Amino acid sequence: MPQPSLEARRMDPRLASALAAFCCLLWGSAYPAIKTGYELFAIGTADIPAKLLFAGLRFAAAGVIVLAYCLVTGKSIAVRGKGEALRILGLGLAQTAIQYTFFYIGVANTSGSKSSVVNSTSTFFSAILAHFLYADDKLSRRKALGCAVGFLGVLAINWSGELLFEWKFMGEGFVVIAALVISAASLWGRKLSRRIDPMVLTGWQLLSGGLILAGAGAALGGDLGPWSLGAGLDLGYLALLSSVAFTIWTILLRDNKVTAITIFQFLIPVSGVLLSALFLGDSILEWRYLAALIAVSAGIVLVNSGAAKKAS
């Protein structure tokens, strides 16, 4: 059956904007929630197996939530054929398992505030990848300038004040790798969502990727510390935000130009820094945090301003 064109499916810009902002606020809240989960489950900084298990349980639960909702609303969750199953499994491996392996380890080795800003490089990776994949999303001078300004923000937040950069490969470096992987995987998911229902695709990729992560963590000897009401609520919140945000984001990317939606990702570092300060006590009363937030936000606006005007 032929699929509706992008123009035919595109939703009202105001609704798309509100939903994109909501997703980014949810993802911003994940930074302090993950750090809190490490404390509640007594997961040490170097305990990589436990981190993988923690992430795997989160995303597997998120996948179950999405697929259960599909069933309740009468939507079929059947996978049509071996080829479709392999594509979904591949997306789950990349977008969830591989990406979050780097992400969870990286977040554990840096502050919630810094990781939220560094991870915003995914917007710039998306702009660069879209240049090569979509004829109407070329990397203009404005977008190139936005990428440069945004990366200056990433450098600013890692400035130590002594002509040195506070940069750990398994900290900020892993967060950048995660951002690159999620950018590529999201564009692949955008393509698949035109053939597979976005909600069904999201549910299966979260479940498959989560099981891979949990299995790897358990096989490596990962074990979560004492379970408590607080720990269960934290894990449940992370699962719920993933199920909601990934489902909505997949639909938004399918029905809109990439850059018209990713403009709202500037809310992720902003909310991540503010919520990390609120819940984790991270210090943000330094010039570098303000400079980084301004630069990253300005960079993303520059990258996407042209597309945003056309979408409006």
C-alpha atoms as a PDB file:
ATOM      1  CA  MET A   1       0.000   0.000   0.000  1.00  0.00           C
ATOM      2  CA  PRO A   2       1.483   3.404  -0.955  1.00  0.00           C
ATOM      3  CA  GLN A   3       2.390   5.617   2.001  1.00  0.00           C
ATOM      4  CA  PRO A   4       1.105   9.222   2.293  1.00  0.00           C
ATOM      5  CA  SER A   5       3.610  11.870   1.286  1.00  0.00           C
ATOM      6  CA  LEU A   6       5.464  13.934   3.878  1.00  0.00           C
ATOM      7  CA  GLU A   7       3.343  16.973   3.017  1.00  0.00           C
ATOM      8  CA  ALA A   8       0.123  14.969   3.429  1.00  0.00           C
ATOM      9  CA  ARG A   9       1.140  13.647   6.858  1.00  0.00           C
ATOM     10  CA  ARG A  10       2.691  16.808   8.320  1.00  0.00           C
ATOM     11  CA  MET A  11       0.899  17.851  11.497  1.00  0.00           C
ATOM     12  CA  ASP A  12       0.046  21.338  12.652  1.00  0.00           C
ATOM     13  CA  PRO A  13       3.328  23.185  13.390  1.00  0.00           C
ATOM     14  CA  ARG A  14       2.094  24.353  16.785  1.00  0.00           C
ATOM     15  CA  LEU A  15       1.232  20.820  17.850  1.00  0.00           C
ATOM     16  CA  ALA A  16       4.542  19.498  16.500  1.00  0.00           C
ATOM     17  CA  SER A  17       6.408  22.223  18.412  1.00  0.00           C
ATOM     18  CA  ALA A  18       4.625  21.450  21.672  1.00  0.00           C
ATOM     19  CA  LEU A  19       5.246  17.716  21.354  1.00  0.00           C
ATOM     20  CA  ALA A  20       8.919  18.198  20.437  1.00  0.00           C
ATOM     21  CA  ALA A  21       9.416  20.480  23.439  1.00  0.00           C
ATOM     22  CA  PHE A  22       7.696  17.956  25.704  1.00  0.00           C
ATOM     23  CA  CYS A  23       9.981  15.135  24.502  1.00  0.00           C
ATOM     24  CA  CYS A  24      13.089  17.219  25.111  1.00  0.00           C
ATOM     25  CA  LEU A  25      11.973  18.156  28.605  1.00  0.00           C
ATOM     26  CA  LEU A  26      11.480  14.469  29.379  1.00  0.00           C
ATOM     27  CA  TRP A  27      14.947  13.591  28.064  1.00  0.00           C
ATOM     28  CA  GLY A  28      16.462  16.433  30.064  1.00  0.00           C
ATOM     29  CA  SER A  29      14.972  14.940  33.226  1.00  0.00           C
ATOM     30  CA  ALA A  30      16.654  11.602  32.474  1.00  0.00           C
ATOM     31  CA  TYR A  31      20.096  12.916  33.500  1.00  0.00           C
ATOM     32  CA  PRO A  32      19.357  13.432  37.200  1.00  0.00           C
ATOM     33  CA  ALA A  33      17.093  10.356  37.210  1.00  0.00           C
ATOM     34  CA  ILE A  34      19.917   8.125  35.963  1.00  0.00           C
ATOM     35  CA  LYS A  35      22.397   9.517  38.473  1.00  0.00           C
ATOM     36  CA  THR A  36      19.807   9.054  41.236  1.00  0.00           C
ATOM     37  CA  GLY A  37      19.209   5.481  40.086  1.00  0.00           C
ATOM     38  CA  TYR A  38      22.909   4.720  40.388  1.00  0.00           C
ATOM     39  CA  GLU A  39      22.798   5.846  44.012  1.00  0.00           C
ATOM     40  CA  LEU A  40      19.571   4.031  44.907  1.00  0.00           C
ATOM     41  CA  PHE A  41      20.752   0.760  43.355  1.00  0.00           C
ATOM     42  CA  ALA A  42      24.276   1.180  44.781  1.00  0.00           C
ATOM     43  CA  ILE A  43      25.892   1.067  41.329  1.00  0.00           C
ATOM     44  CA  GLY A  44      29.505   2.161  41.481  1.00  0.00           C
ATOM     45  CA  THR A  45      31.198   4.340  38.868  1.00  0.00           C
ATOM     46  CA  ALA A  46      33.300   1.440  37.552  1.00  0.00           C
ATOM     47  CA  ASP A  47      30.485  -1.156  37.698  1.00  0.00           C
ATOM     48  CA  ILE A  48      29.771  -1.325  33.973  1.00  0.00           C
ATOM     49  CA  PRO A  49      27.809  -4.652  34.076  1.00  0.00           C
ATOM     50  CA  ALA A  50      25.352  -3.219  36.600  1.00  0.00           C
ATOM     51  CA  LYS A  51      24.926  -0.093  34.474  1.00  0.00           C
ATOM     52  CA  LEU A  52      24.101  -2.214  31.435  1.00  0.00           C
ATOM     53  CA  LEU A  53      21.611  -4.240  33.465  1.00  0.00           C
ATOM     54  CA  PHE A  54      20.010  -1.070  34.830  1.00  0.00           C
ATOM     55  CA  ALA A  55      19.704   0.424  31.327  1.00  0.00           C
ATOM     56  CA  GLY A  56      18.422  -2.844  29.886  1.00  0.00           C
ATOM     57  CA  LEU A  57      15.637  -3.174  32.440  1.00  0.00           C
ATOM     58  CA  ARG A  58      14.641   0.440  31.791  1.00  0.00           C
ATOM     59  CA  PHE A  59      14.296   0.059  28.031  1.00  0.00           C
ATOM     60  CA  ALA A  60      12.814  -3.425  28.063  1.00  0.00           C
ATOM     61  CA  ALA A  61      10.129  -2.132  30.427  1.00  0.00           C
ATOM     62  CA  ALA A  62       9.604   0.883  28.146  1.00  0.00           C
ATOM     63  CA  GLY A  63       9.119  -1.436  25.178  1.00  0.00           C
ATOM     64  CA  VAL A  64       6.572  -3.502  27.090  1.00  0.00           C
ATOM     65  CA  ILE A  65       4.671  -0.317  27.987  1.00  0.00           C
ATOM     66  CA  VAL A  66       4.477   0.790  24.343  1.00  0.00           C
ATOM     67  CA  LEU A  67       3.484  -2.637  22.996  1.00  0.00           C
ATOM     68  CA  ALA A  68       0.891  -3.091  25.750  1.00  0.00           C
ATOM     69  CA  TYR A  69      -0.626   0.258  24.827  1.00  0.00           C
ATOM     70  CA  CYS A  70      -0.758  -0.849  21.188  1.00  0.00           C
ATOM     71  CA  LEU A  71      -2.659  -4.005  22.149  1.00  0.00           C
ATOM     72  CA  VAL A  72      -5.085  -2.128  24.410  1.00  0.00           C
ATOM     73  CA  THR A  73      -5.889   0.323  21.622  1.00  0.00           C
ATOM     74  CA  GLY A  74      -6.423  -2.466  19.087  1.00  0.00           C
ATOM     75  CA  LYS A  75      -3.205  -1.964  17.134  1.00  0.00           C
ATOM     76  CA  SER A  76      -1.498  -5.072  15.760  1.00  0.00           C
ATOM     77  CA  ILE A  77       2.055  -5.580  16.994  1.00  0.00           C
ATOM     78  CA  ALA A  78       2.798  -8.445  14.616  1.00  0.00           C
ATOM     79  CA  VAL A  79       6.095  -8.255  12.737  1.00  0.00           C
ATOM     80  CA  ARG A  80       5.680  -8.963   9.035  1.00  0.00           C
ATOM     81  CA  GLY A  81       8.409 -11.266   7.822  1.00  0.00           C
ATOM     82  CA  LYS A  82      12.041 -12.001   8.613  1.00  0.00           C
ATOM     83  CA  GLY A  83      13.314  -8.880   6.857  1.00  0.00           C
ATOM     84  CA  GLU A  84      11.191  -6.555   8.973  1.00  0.00           C
ATOM     85  CA  ALA A  85      12.182  -8.390  12.139  1.00  0.00           C
ATOM     86  CA  LEU A  86      15.873  -8.019  11.296  1.00  0.00           C
ATOM     87  CA  ARG A  87      15.489  -4.308  10.578  1.00  0.00           C
ATOM     88  CA  ILE A  88      13.728  -3.744  13.907  1.00  0.00           C
ATOM     89  CA  LEU A  89      16.353  -5.800  15.724  1.00  0.00           C
ATOM     90  CA  GLY A  90      19.105  -3.794  14.039  1.00  0.00           C
ATOM     91  CA  LEU A  91      17.488  -0.531  15.075  1.00  0.00           C
ATOM     92  CA  GLY A  92      17.117  -1.784  18.638  1.00  0.00           C
ATOM     93  CA  LEU A  93      20.766  -2.815  18.687  1.00  0.00           C
ATOM     94  CA  ALA A  94      21.958   0.586  17.435  1.00  0.00           C
ATOM     95  CA  GLN A  95      19.486   3.073  18.907  1.00  0.00           C
ATOM     96  CA  THR A  96      19.098   1.430  22.295  1.00  0.00           C
ATOM     97  CA  ALA A  97      21.795  -1.157  23.058  1.00  0.00           C
ATOM     98  CA  ILE A  98      24.932   0.379  21.529  1.00  0.00           C
ATOM     99  CA  GLN A  99      23.946   4.012  22.048  1.00  0.00           C
ATOM    100  CA  TYR A 100      22.997   3.605  25.687  1.00  0.00           C
ATOM    101  CA  THR A 101      26.014   1.453  26.496  1.00  0.00           C
ATOM    102  CA  PHE A 102      28.148   4.489  25.717  1.00  0.00           C
ATOM    103  CA  PHE A 103      25.640   6.902  27.240  1.00  0.00           C
ATOM    104  CA  TYR A 104      25.226   5.229  30.633  1.00  0.00           C
ATOM    105  CA  ILE A 105      28.959   4.719  31.095  1.00  0.00           C
ATOM    106  CA  GLY A 106      29.635   8.303  30.016  1.00  0.00           C
ATOM    107  CA  VAL A 107      27.044   9.802  32.377  1.00  0.00           C
ATOM    108  CA  ALA A 108      28.530   7.823  35.264  1.00  0.00           C
ATOM    109  CA  ASN A 109      31.925   9.415  34.654  1.00  0.00           C
ATOM    110  CA  THR A 110      30.876  13.050  34.438  1.00  0.00           C
ATOM    111  CA  SER A 111      28.314  15.365  36.011  1.00  0.00           C
ATOM    112  CA  GLY A 112      24.672  15.424  34.991  1.00  0.00           C
ATOM    113  CA  SER A 113      25.018  19.065  33.946  1.00  0.00           C
ATOM    114  CA  LYS A 114      28.013  18.475  31.670  1.00  0.00           C
ATOM    115  CA  SER A 115      26.636  15.305  30.116  1.00  0.00           C
ATOM    116  CA  SER A 116      23.349  17.022  29.223  1.00  0.00           C
ATOM    117  CA  VAL A 117      25.194  19.750  27.309  1.00  0.00           C
ATOM    118  CA  VAL A 118      27.782  17.468  25.677  1.00  0.00           C
ATOM    119  CA  ASN A 119      25.024  15.132  24.478  1.00  0.00           C
ATOM    120  CA  SER A 120      23.441  18.042  22.590  1.00  0.00           C
ATOM    121  CA  THR A 121      26.071  17.466  19.891  1.00  0.00           C
ATOM    122  CA  SER A 122      23.540  14.962  18.512  1.00  0.00           C
ATOM    123  CA  THR A 123      21.772  17.931  16.911  1.00  0.00           C
ATOM    124  CA  PHE A 124      24.868  18.867  14.944  1.00  0.00           C
ATOM    125  CA  PHE A 125      25.522  15.269  13.916  1.00  0.00           C
ATOM    126  CA  SER A 126      21.910  15.089  12.690  1.00  0.00           C
ATOM    127  CA  ALA A 127      22.372  18.245  10.620  1.00  0.00           C
ATOM    128  CA  ILE A 128      25.545  16.880   9.012  1.00  0.00           C
ATOM    129  CA  LEU A 129      24.046  13.454   8.295  1.00  0.00           C
ATOM    130  CA  ALA A 130      20.849  15.008   6.900  1.00  0.00           C
ATOM    131  CA  HIS A 131      23.017  16.971   4.445  1.00  0.00           C
ATOM    132  CA  PHE A 132      24.081  13.727   2.775  1.00  0.00           C
ATOM    133  CA  LEU A 133      20.750  11.905   3.073  1.00  0.00           C
ATOM    134  CA  TYR A 134      18.092  14.488   2.191  1.00  0.00           C
ATOM    135  CA  ALA A 135      18.081  16.859  -0.773  1.00  0.00           C
ATOM    136  CA  ASP A 136      16.040  19.475   1.111  1.00  0.00           C
ATOM    137  CA  ASP A 137      18.218  19.460   4.246  1.00  0.00           C
ATOM    138  CA  LYS A 138      21.600  20.576   2.932  1.00  0.00           C
ATOM    139  CA  LEU A 139      24.280  21.981   5.260  1.00  0.00           C
ATOM    140  CA  SER A 140      24.178  25.710   4.470  1.00  0.00           C
ATOM    141  CA  ARG A 141      26.561  28.367   5.765  1.00  0.00           C
ATOM    142  CA  ARG A 142      24.082  29.154   8.520  1.00  0.00           C
ATOM    143  CA  LYS A 143      23.980  25.520   9.591  1.00  0.00           C
ATOM    144  CA  ALA A 144      27.766  25.228   9.446  1.00  0.00           C
ATOM    145  CA  LEU A 145      28.075  28.318  11.650  1.00  0.00           C
ATOM    146  CA  GLY A 146      25.558  26.803  14.047  1.00  0.00           C
ATOM    147  CA  CYS A 147      27.616  23.617  14.290  1.00  0.00           C
ATOM    148  CA  ALA A 148      30.742  25.642  15.056  1.00  0.00           C
ATOM    149  CA  VAL A 149      28.990  27.740  17.713  1.00  0.00           C
ATOM    150  CA  GLY A 150      27.466  24.661  19.303  1.00  0.00           C
ATOM    151  CA  PHE A 151      30.774  22.842  19.563  1.00  0.00           C
ATOM    152  CA  LEU A 152      32.255  25.951  21.161  1.00  0.00           C
ATOM    153  CA  GLY A 153      29.600  25.495  23.830  1.00  0.00           C
ATOM    154  CA  VAL A 154      30.729  21.923  24.388  1.00  0.00           C
ATOM    155  CA  LEU A 155      34.300  23.149  24.777  1.00  0.00           C
ATOM    156  CA  ALA A 156      33.212  25.928  27.149  1.00  0.00           C
ATOM    157  CA  ILE A 157      31.566  23.599  29.630  1.00  0.00           C
ATOM    158  CA  ASN A 158      34.740  21.516  29.805  1.00  0.00           C
ATOM    159  CA  TRP A 159      37.012  24.492  30.448  1.00  0.00           C
ATOM    160  CA  SER A 160      38.928  24.044  33.706  1.00  0.00           C
ATOM    161  CA  GLY A 161      40.146  27.650  34.023  1.00  0.00           C
ATOM    162  CA  GLU A 162      43.801  26.667  33.679  1.00  0.00           C
ATOM    163  CA  LEU A 163      44.139  26.400  29.912  1.00  0.00           C
ATOM    164  CA  LEU A 164      43.204  22.738  30.226  1.00  0.00           C
ATOM    165  CA  PHE A 165      40.034  20.891  29.373  1.00  0.00           C
ATOM    166  CA  GLU A 166      38.350  18.564  31.826  1.00  0.00           C
ATOM    167  CA  TRP A 167      37.714  15.776  29.361  1.00  0.00           C
ATOM    168  CA  LYS A 168      37.573  12.063  30.102  1.00  0.00           C
ATOM    169  CA  PHE A 169      37.253   9.670  27.200  1.00  0.00           C
ATOM    170  CA  MET A 170      35.013   7.317  29.192  1.00  0.00           C
ATOM    171  CA  GLY A 171      33.031  10.313  30.431  1.00  0.00           C
ATOM    172  CA  GLU A 172      32.383  13.163  28.004  1.00  0.00           C
ATOM    173  CA  GLY A 173      33.965  11.176  25.153  1.00  0.00           C
ATOM    174  CA  PHE A 174      31.480   8.325  25.524  1.00  0.00           C
ATOM    175  CA  VAL A 175      28.585  10.794  25.671  1.00  0.00           C
ATOM    176  CA  VAL A 176      29.698  12.267  22.326  1.00  0.00           C
ATOM    177  CA  ILE A 177      29.900   8.776  20.784  1.00  0.00           C
ATOM    178  CA  ALA A 178      26.398   8.073  22.074  1.00  0.00           C
ATOM    179  CA  ALA A 179      25.205  11.315  20.456  1.00  0.00           C
ATOM    180  CA  LEU A 180      26.662  10.275  17.094  1.00  0.00           C
ATOM    181  CA  VAL A 181      25.081   6.829  17.283  1.00  0.00           C
ATOM    182  CA  ILE A 182      21.635   8.152  18.233  1.00  0.00           C
ATOM    183  CA  SER A 183      21.757  10.692  15.388  1.00  0.00           C
ATOM    184  CA  ALA A 184      22.446   8.019  12.781  1.00  0.00           C
ATOM    185  CA  ALA A 185      19.991   5.558  14.320  1.00  0.00           C
ATOM    186  CA  SER A 186      17.216   8.157  14.510  1.00  0.00           C
ATOM    187  CA  LEU A 187      17.528   8.894  10.801  1.00  0.00           C
ATOM    188  CA  TRP A 188      17.402   5.167  10.075  1.00  0.00           C
ATOM    189  CA  GLY A 189      14.353   4.880  12.311  1.00  0.00           C
ATOM    190  CA  ARG A 190      12.760   7.761  10.400  1.00  0.00           C
ATOM    191  CA  LYS A 191      13.089   5.728   7.216  1.00  0.00           C
ATOM    192  CA  LEU A 192      11.713   2.562   8.805  1.00  0.00           C
ATOM    193  CA  SER A 193       8.755   4.416  10.347  1.00  0.00           C
ATOM    194  CA  ARG A 194       7.443   5.084   6.845  1.00  0.00           C
ATOM    195  CA  ARG A 195       7.029   1.329   6.391  1.00  0.00           C
ATOM    196  CA  ILE A 196       6.281   0.218   9.958  1.00  0.00           C
ATOM    197  CA  ASP A 197       3.849   1.848  12.388  1.00  0.00           C
ATOM    198  CA  PRO A 198       5.972   4.240  14.519  1.00  0.00           C
ATOM    199  CA  MET A 199       4.484   3.055  17.815  1.00  0.00           C
ATOM    200  CA  VAL A 200       5.001  -0.621  16.999  1.00  0.00           C
ATOM    201  CA  LEU A 201       8.509   0.123  15.734  1.00  0.00           C
ATOM    202  CA  THR A 202       9.354   2.020  18.926  1.00  0.00           C
ATOM    203  CA  GLY A 203       7.991  -0.712  21.176  1.00  0.00           C
ATOM    204  CA  TRP A 204       9.896  -3.538  19.535  1.00  0.00           C
ATOM    205  CA  GLN A 205      13.162  -1.631  19.185  1.00  0.00           C
ATOM    206  CA  LEU A 206      13.066  -0.597  22.861  1.00  0.00           C
ATOM    207  CA  LEU A 207      12.229  -4.121  23.976  1.00  0.00           C
ATOM    208  CA  SER A 208      14.844  -5.822  21.788  1.00  0.00           C
ATOM    209  CA  GLY A 209      17.551  -3.281  22.610  1.00  0.00           C
ATOM    210  CA  GLY A 210      16.696  -3.437  26.305  1.00  0.00           C
ATOM    211  CA  LEU A 211      16.905  -7.219  26.380  1.00  0.00           C
ATOM    212  CA  ILE A 212      20.302  -7.089  24.665  1.00  0.00           C
ATOM    213  CA  LEU A 213      21.570  -4.613  27.261  1.00  0.00           C
ATOM    214  CA  ALA A 214      20.115  -6.530  30.209  1.00  0.00           C
ATOM    215  CA  GLY A 215      21.452  -9.830  28.881  1.00  0.00           C
ATOM    216  CA  ALA A 216      24.937  -8.404  28.398  1.00  0.00           C
ATOM    217  CA  GLY A 217      24.904  -6.878  31.875  1.00  0.00           C
ATOM    218  CA  ALA A 218      23.733 -10.096  33.525  1.00  0.00           C
ATOM    219  CA  ALA A 219      26.246 -12.200  31.556  1.00  0.00           C
ATOM    220  CA  LEU A 220      29.068  -9.938  32.766  1.00  0.00           C
ATOM    221  CA  GLY A 221      27.989 -10.399  36.377  1.00  0.00           C
ATOM    222  CA  GLY A 222      25.932  -7.246  36.778  1.00  0.00           C
ATOM    223  CA  ASP A 223      23.748  -7.015  39.853  1.00  0.00           C
ATOM    224  CA  LEU A 224      21.556  -4.243  41.170  1.00  0.00           C
ATOM    225  CA  GLY A 225      21.760  -3.286  44.813  1.00  0.00           C
ATOM    226  CA  PRO A 226      18.873  -3.322  47.266  1.00  0.00           C
ATOM    227  CA  TRP A 227      15.461  -2.746  45.739  1.00  0.00           C
ATOM    228  CA  SER A 228      13.363  -0.114  47.446  1.00  0.00           C
ATOM    229  CA  LEU A 229      10.249   1.881  46.696  1.00  0.00           C
ATOM    230  CA  GLY A 230      12.377   4.836  45.625  1.00  0.00           C
ATOM    231  CA  ALA A 231      14.542   2.679  43.357  1.00  0.00           C
ATOM    232  CA  GLY A 232      11.484   1.100  41.755  1.00  0.00           C
ATOM    233  CA  LEU A 233       9.841   4.468  41.173  1.00  0.00           C
ATOM    234  CA  ASP A 234      13.028   5.864  39.647  1.00  0.00           C
ATOM    235  CA  LEU A 235      13.326   2.915  37.242  1.00  0.00           C
ATOM    236  CA  GLY A 236       9.622   3.130  36.440  1.00  0.00           C
ATOM    237  CA  TYR A 237       9.880   6.830  35.667  1.00  0.00           C
ATOM    238  CA  LEU A 238      12.834   6.256  33.334  1.00  0.00           C
ATOM    239  CA  ALA A 239      10.909   3.507  31.525  1.00  0.00           C
ATOM    240  CA  LEU A 240       7.813   5.657  31.172  1.00  0.00           C
ATOM    241  CA  LEU A 241       9.661   8.706  29.868  1.00  0.00           C
ATOM    242  CA  SER A 242      11.467   6.552  27.301  1.00  0.00           C
ATOM    243  CA  SER A 243       8.262   4.942  26.057  1.00  0.00           C
ATOM    244  CA  VAL A 244       6.514   8.286  25.675  1.00  0.00           C
ATOM    245  CA  ALA A 245       9.397  10.365  24.319  1.00  0.00           C
ATOM    246  CA  PHE A 246      10.713   7.839  21.789  1.00  0.00           C
ATOM    247  CA  THR A 247       7.240   7.114  20.417  1.00  0.00           C
ATOM    248  CA  ILE A 248       6.371  10.779  19.924  1.00  0.00           C
ATOM    249  CA  TRP A 249       9.818  11.625  18.537  1.00  0.00           C
ATOM    250  CA  THR A 250       9.635   8.813  15.974  1.00  0.00           C
ATOM    251  CA  ILE A 251       6.289  10.135  14.741  1.00  0.00           C
ATOM    252  CA  LEU A 252       7.605  13.709  14.627  1.00  0.00           C
ATOM    253  CA  LEU A 253      10.671  12.725  12.597  1.00  0.00           C
ATOM    254  CA  ARG A 254       8.532  10.710  10.199  1.00  0.00           C
ATOM    255  CA  ASP A 255       6.052  13.515   9.567  1.00  0.00           C
ATOM    256  CA  ASN A 256       8.364  16.553   9.554  1.00  0.00           C
ATOM    257  CA  LYS A 257      11.744  17.623   8.255  1.00  0.00           C
ATOM    258  CA  VAL A 258      14.557  16.579  10.570  1.00  0.00           C
ATOM    259  CA  THR A 259      15.863  20.087  11.236  1.00  0.00           C
ATOM    260  CA  ALA A 260      12.387  21.510  11.869  1.00  0.00           C
ATOM    261  CA  ILE A 261      12.040  19.186  14.856  1.00  0.00           C
ATOM    262  CA  THR A 262      15.584  19.036  16.213  1.00  0.00           C
ATOM    263  CA  ILE A 263      15.559  22.797  16.846  1.00  0.00           C
ATOM    264  CA  PHE A 264      13.838  21.976  20.137  1.00  0.00           C
ATOM    265  CA  GLN A 265      16.713  19.841  21.364  1.00  0.00           C
ATOM    266  CA  PHE A 266      18.224  22.964  22.902  1.00  0.00           C
ATOM    267  CA  LEU A 267      15.730  22.321  25.713  1.00  0.00           C
ATOM    268  CA  ILE A 268      17.536  19.082  26.631  1.00  0.00           C
ATOM    269  CA  PRO A 269      20.748  20.689  27.963  1.00  0.00           C
ATOM    270  CA  VAL A 270      18.787  23.557  29.494  1.00  0.00           C
ATOM    271  CA  SER A 271      16.407  21.302  31.416  1.00  0.00           C
ATOM    272  CA  GLY A 272      19.181  18.785  32.113  1.00  0.00           C
ATOM    273  CA  VAL A 273      21.383  21.400  33.756  1.00  0.00           C
ATOM    274  CA  LEU A 274      18.560  22.972  35.758  1.00  0.00           C
ATOM    275  CA  LEU A 275      17.131  19.654  36.939  1.00  0.00           C
ATOM    276  CA  SER A 276      20.592  18.309  37.788  1.00  0.00           C
ATOM    277  CA  ALA A 277      21.177  21.401  39.915  1.00  0.00           C
ATOM    278  CA  LEU A 278      17.784  20.944  41.576  1.00  0.00           C
ATOM    279  CA  PHE A 279      17.958  17.221  42.328  1.00  0.00           C
ATOM    280  CA  LEU A 280      21.691  16.460  42.384  1.00  0.00           C
ATOM    281  CA  GLY A 281      23.083  19.700  43.761  1.00  0.00           C
ATOM    282  CA  ASP A 282      25.332  20.232  40.731  1.00  0.00           C
ATOM    283  CA  SER A 283      26.938  23.650  40.817  1.00  0.00           C
ATOM    284  CA  ILE A 284      25.891  25.804  37.888  1.00  0.00           C
ATOM    285  CA  LEU A 285      26.927  29.189  39.267  1.00  0.00           C
ATOM    286  CA  GLU A 286      29.925  29.368  36.923  1.00  0.00           C
ATOM    287  CA  TRP A 287      30.398  31.374  33.755  1.00  0.00           C
ATOM    288  CA  ARG A 288      31.201  28.284  31.689  1.00  0.00           C
ATOM    289  CA  TYR A 289      27.760  26.727  32.248  1.00  0.00           C
ATOM    290  CA  LEU A 290      25.982  29.901  31.185  1.00  0.00           C
ATOM    291  CA  ALA A 291      28.312  30.333  28.199  1.00  0.00           C
ATOM    292  CA  ALA A 292      27.831  26.717  27.155  1.00  0.00           C
ATOM    293  CA  LEU A 293      24.054  26.880  27.375  1.00  0.00           C
ATOM    294  CA  ILE A 294      23.939  30.104  25.370  1.00  0.00           C
ATOM    295  CA  ALA A 295      26.343  28.774  22.719  1.00  0.00           C
ATOM    296  CA  VAL A 296      24.654  25.393  22.368  1.00  0.00           C
ATOM    297  CA  SER A 297      21.206  26.961  22.170  1.00  0.00           C
ATOM    298  CA  ALA A 298      22.362  29.586  19.666  1.00  0.00           C
ATOM    299  CA  GLY A 299      24.070  26.917  17.581  1.00  0.00           C
ATOM    300  CA  ILE A 300      20.968  24.772  17.377  1.00  0.00           C
ATOM    301  CA  VAL A 301      18.815  27.773  16.474  1.00  0.00           C
ATOM    302  CA  LEU A 302      21.266  28.704  13.693  1.00  0.00           C
ATOM    303  CA  VAL A 303      21.330  25.155  12.379  1.00  0.00           C
ATOM    304  CA  ASN A 304      17.545  24.929  12.215  1.00  0.00           C
ATOM    305  CA  SER A 305      16.269  28.482  11.771  1.00  0.00           C
ATOM    306  CA  GLY A 306      15.724  28.227   8.033  1.00  0.00           C
ATOM    307  CA  ALA A 307      13.788  24.988   8.317  1.00  0.00           C
ATOM    308  CA  ALA A 308      11.789  26.288  11.239  1.00  0.00           C
ATOM    309  CA  LYS A 309      10.650  29.336   9.253  1.00  0.00           C
ATOM    310  CA  LYS A 310       9.534  27.135   6.348  1.00  0.00           C
ATOM    311  CA  ALA A 311       7.707  24.789   8.718  1.00  0.00           C
ATOM    312  CA  SER A 312       5.873  27.743  10.249  1.00  0.00           C
END
